[in-house]
Amino acid sequence: MSRQRQKIGPIIWMSVSALVVLAIVAGLITLVAGGDSLPREDDAAPAFALASPDGTVVSLDSQVQQFDAVVLVFYRGYF
């Protein structure tokens, strides 16, 4: 076996091992951090109120009473 292959083998092994460890850690974090507390499709949104640009307080309940449907959009910004 050439010297280059001898150097690449351990690098690949370490890379694969690191990816496996990261996947396990990410899975554990997901389970511990909120596996069951994450919202699911068709879950009701929690009641909340926010200030509008003109300073009035707008609540989800008031919007549901005023309109037949309310769409919530979560803007995450630019990455």
N, C-alpha and C. Protein backbone atom coordinates (compact mmCIF):
# COMPACT_ATOMS: atom_id res chain seq x y z
N MET A 1 0.84 -1.18 0.00
CA MET A 1 0.00 0.00 0.00
C MET A 1 0.90 1.25 0.00
N SER A 2 0.48 2.25 -0.75
CA SER A 2 1.31 3.45 -0.85
C SER A 2 1.15 4.29 0.42
N ARG A 3 2.06 5.21 0.58
CA ARG A 3 2.03 6.09 1.76
C ARG A 3 0.78 6.97 1.76
N GLN A 4 0.34 7.39 0.56
CA GLN A 4 -0.84 8.25 0.47
C GLN A 4 -2.08 7.50 0.95
N ARG A 5 -2.25 6.24 0.55
CA ARG A 5 -3.38 5.45 1.01
C ARG A 5 -3.31 5.22 2.51
N GLN A 6 -2.15 5.06 3.06
CA GLN A 6 -2.00 4.88 4.51
C GLN A 6 -2.45 6.13 5.25
N LYS A 7 -2.26 7.31 4.67
CA LYS A 7 -2.67 8.56 5.31
C LYS A 7 -4.17 8.80 5.15
N ILE A 8 -4.75 8.42 4.01
CA ILE A 8 -6.17 8.67 3.75
C ILE A 8 -7.06 7.77 4.58
N GLY A 9 -6.68 6.53 4.80
CA GLY A 9 -7.49 5.59 5.56
C GLY A 9 -7.89 6.11 6.93
N PRO A 10 -6.95 6.54 7.77
CA PRO A 10 -7.31 7.06 9.09
C PRO A 10 -8.15 8.34 9.02
N ILE A 11 -7.91 9.16 8.01
CA ILE A 11 -8.69 10.40 7.87
C ILE A 11 -10.15 10.08 7.58
N ILE A 12 -10.38 9.12 6.68
CA ILE A 12 -11.76 8.72 6.38
C ILE A 12 -12.41 8.10 7.61
N TRP A 13 -11.69 7.25 8.30
CA TRP A 13 -12.21 6.61 9.51
C TRP A 13 -12.59 7.65 10.56
N MET A 14 -11.74 8.64 10.77
CA MET A 14 -12.02 9.70 11.75
C MET A 14 -13.22 10.53 11.32
N SER A 15 -13.33 10.83 10.02
CA SER A 15 -14.46 11.62 9.51
C SER A 15 -15.78 10.89 9.71
N VAL A 16 -15.79 9.62 9.35
CA VAL A 16 -17.02 8.82 9.52
C VAL A 16 -17.36 8.69 11.00
N SER A 17 -16.39 8.48 11.83
CA SER A 17 -16.63 8.37 13.27
C SER A 17 -17.19 9.68 13.83
N ALA A 18 -16.64 10.80 13.38
CA ALA A 18 -17.12 12.10 13.85
C ALA A 18 -18.56 12.33 13.42
N LEU A 19 -18.92 11.96 12.20
CA LEU A 19 -20.29 12.11 11.74
C LEU A 19 -21.26 11.24 12.53
N VAL A 20 -20.85 10.03 12.84
CA VAL A 20 -21.71 9.15 13.64
C VAL A 20 -21.92 9.74 15.03
N VAL A 21 -20.87 10.23 15.65
CA VAL A 21 -20.98 10.83 16.98
C VAL A 21 -21.89 12.06 16.93
N LEU A 22 -21.73 12.90 15.90
CA LEU A 22 -22.59 14.09 15.77
C LEU A 22 -24.05 13.70 15.60
N ALA A 23 -24.32 12.67 14.82
CA ALA A 23 -25.70 12.23 14.62
C ALA A 23 -26.30 11.73 15.93
N ILE A 24 -25.53 10.99 16.70
CA ILE A 24 -26.02 10.49 17.99
C ILE A 24 -26.28 11.64 18.94
N VAL A 25 -25.36 12.60 19.02
CA VAL A 25 -25.54 13.75 19.91
C VAL A 25 -26.75 14.57 19.48
N ALA A 26 -26.93 14.81 18.17
CA ALA A 26 -28.08 15.57 17.70
C ALA A 26 -29.39 14.86 18.03
N GLY A 27 -29.41 13.55 17.90
CA GLY A 27 -30.60 12.79 18.26
C GLY A 27 -30.92 12.88 19.74
N LEU A 28 -29.89 12.79 20.58
CA LEU A 28 -30.10 12.90 22.02
C LEU A 28 -30.59 14.29 22.41
N ILE A 29 -30.03 15.32 21.79
CA ILE A 29 -30.46 16.69 22.09
C ILE A 29 -31.92 16.87 21.70
N THR A 30 -32.31 16.33 20.56
CA THR A 30 -33.70 16.45 20.12
C THR A 30 -34.63 15.75 21.10
N LEU A 31 -34.25 14.58 21.58
CA LEU A 31 -35.09 13.85 22.53
C LEU A 31 -35.20 14.58 23.85
N VAL A 32 -34.08 15.11 24.35
CA VAL A 32 -34.07 15.76 25.66
C VAL A 32 -34.69 17.15 25.58
N ALA A 33 -34.41 17.89 24.51
CA ALA A 33 -34.80 19.29 24.43
C ALA A 33 -36.27 19.50 24.12
N GLY A 34 -36.98 18.54 23.67
CA GLY A 34 -38.39 18.81 23.41
C GLY A 34 -39.03 17.85 22.46
N GLY A 35 -38.68 16.61 22.52
CA GLY A 35 -39.26 15.65 21.60
C GLY A 35 -40.77 15.65 21.61
N ASP A 36 -41.41 15.64 22.78
CA ASP A 36 -42.87 15.60 22.85
C ASP A 36 -43.50 16.98 22.90
N SER A 37 -42.73 18.01 23.20
CA SER A 37 -43.30 19.34 23.36
C SER A 37 -43.33 20.13 22.06
N LEU A 38 -42.80 19.57 20.98
CA LEU A 38 -42.83 20.27 19.71
C LEU A 38 -44.24 20.29 19.16
N PRO A 39 -44.66 21.40 18.55
CA PRO A 39 -46.01 21.44 17.99
C PRO A 39 -46.14 20.51 16.79
N ARG A 40 -47.32 19.99 16.63
CA ARG A 40 -47.60 19.09 15.52
C ARG A 40 -48.63 19.75 14.60
N GLU A 41 -48.76 19.22 13.41
CA GLU A 41 -49.73 19.73 12.46
C GLU A 41 -51.13 19.69 13.07
N ASP A 42 -51.90 20.73 12.87
CA ASP A 42 -53.26 20.89 13.36
C ASP A 42 -53.35 21.16 14.86
N ASP A 43 -52.24 21.39 15.56
CA ASP A 43 -52.30 21.82 16.96
C ASP A 43 -52.79 23.26 17.00
N ALA A 44 -53.55 23.60 18.02
CA ALA A 44 -54.02 24.98 18.19
C ALA A 44 -52.85 25.85 18.65
N ALA A 45 -52.80 27.05 18.13
CA ALA A 45 -51.74 27.99 18.52
C ALA A 45 -52.03 28.49 19.94
N PRO A 46 -51.02 28.71 20.74
CA PRO A 46 -51.25 29.25 22.08
C PRO A 46 -51.73 30.70 22.00
N ALA A 47 -52.49 31.11 22.99
CA ALA A 47 -52.98 32.49 23.03
C ALA A 47 -51.80 33.44 23.26
N PHE A 48 -51.77 34.53 22.50
CA PHE A 48 -50.72 35.53 22.69
C PHE A 48 -51.21 36.87 22.20
N ALA A 49 -50.54 37.92 22.63
CA ALA A 49 -50.85 39.28 22.21
C ALA A 49 -49.54 40.01 21.91
N LEU A 50 -49.56 40.82 20.86
CA LEU A 50 -48.38 41.58 20.45
C LEU A 50 -48.78 43.01 20.14
N ALA A 51 -47.82 43.91 20.25
CA ALA A 51 -48.07 45.31 19.90
C ALA A 51 -47.96 45.47 18.39
N SER A 52 -48.92 46.17 17.80
CA SER A 52 -48.88 46.45 16.37
C SER A 52 -48.00 47.67 16.13
N PRO A 53 -47.67 47.97 14.88
CA PRO A 53 -46.82 49.14 14.60
C PRO A 53 -47.41 50.47 15.10
N ASP A 54 -48.76 50.55 15.18
CA ASP A 54 -49.36 51.80 15.68
C ASP A 54 -49.51 51.83 17.20
N GLY A 55 -49.06 50.79 17.89
CA GLY A 55 -49.05 50.78 19.35
C GLY A 55 -50.21 50.05 19.99
N THR A 56 -51.23 49.66 19.24
CA THR A 56 -52.34 48.93 19.83
C THR A 56 -51.94 47.47 20.03
N VAL A 57 -52.56 46.85 21.02
CA VAL A 57 -52.26 45.45 21.32
C VAL A 57 -53.23 44.58 20.53
N VAL A 58 -52.69 43.63 19.79
CA VAL A 58 -53.49 42.72 18.98
C VAL A 58 -53.28 41.31 19.52
N SER A 59 -54.39 40.65 19.85
CA SER A 59 -54.28 39.29 20.36
C SER A 59 -54.78 38.31 19.32
N LEU A 60 -54.32 37.09 19.43
CA LEU A 60 -54.77 36.05 18.52
C LEU A 60 -56.27 35.83 18.67
N ASP A 61 -56.76 35.83 19.90
CA ASP A 61 -58.19 35.63 20.14
C ASP A 61 -59.03 36.71 19.46
N SER A 62 -58.59 37.97 19.54
CA SER A 62 -59.36 39.04 18.91
C SER A 62 -59.40 38.89 17.39
N GLN A 63 -58.31 38.43 16.81
CA GLN A 63 -58.27 38.23 15.36
C GLN A 63 -59.15 37.06 14.94
N VAL A 64 -59.19 36.01 15.74
CA VAL A 64 -60.04 34.86 15.43
C VAL A 64 -61.51 35.26 15.52
N GLN A 65 -61.87 36.10 16.48
CA GLN A 65 -63.25 36.57 16.61
C GLN A 65 -63.63 37.49 15.46
N GLN A 66 -62.70 38.30 15.00
CA GLN A 66 -62.98 39.27 13.94
C GLN A 66 -63.03 38.61 12.55
N PHE A 67 -62.17 37.64 12.31
CA PHE A 67 -62.08 36.98 11.01
C PHE A 67 -62.37 35.50 11.17
N ASP A 68 -62.75 34.86 10.10
CA ASP A 68 -63.02 33.42 10.16
C ASP A 68 -61.76 32.59 10.31
N ALA A 69 -60.66 33.06 9.74
CA ALA A 69 -59.41 32.31 9.78
C ALA A 69 -58.25 33.26 10.01
N VAL A 70 -57.22 32.77 10.66
CA VAL A 70 -56.01 33.55 10.90
C VAL A 70 -54.83 32.70 10.45
N VAL A 71 -53.93 33.31 9.71
CA VAL A 71 -52.72 32.63 9.26
C VAL A 71 -51.53 33.22 10.01
N LEU A 72 -50.78 32.38 10.70
CA LEU A 72 -49.59 32.83 11.41
C LEU A 72 -48.37 32.54 10.54
N VAL A 73 -47.53 33.54 10.36
CA VAL A 73 -46.32 33.40 9.57
C VAL A 73 -45.14 33.76 10.46
N PHE A 74 -44.18 32.88 10.55
CA PHE A 74 -43.00 33.13 11.36
C PHE A 74 -41.85 33.47 10.44
N TYR A 75 -41.42 34.71 10.47
CA TYR A 75 -40.35 35.19 9.62
C TYR A 75 -39.04 35.01 10.35
N ARG A 76 -38.16 34.22 9.77
CA ARG A 76 -36.88 33.91 10.42
C ARG A 76 -35.77 34.87 10.01
N GLY A 77 -36.01 35.73 9.05
CA GLY A 77 -34.99 36.68 8.63
C GLY A 77 -34.04 36.07 7.63
N TYR A 78 -33.00 36.82 7.35
CA TYR A 78 -32.00 36.38 6.38
C TYR A 78 -30.94 35.55 7.07
N PHE A 79 -30.35 34.63 6.34
CA PHE A 79 -29.29 33.80 6.88
C PHE A 79 -27.97 34.22 6.33
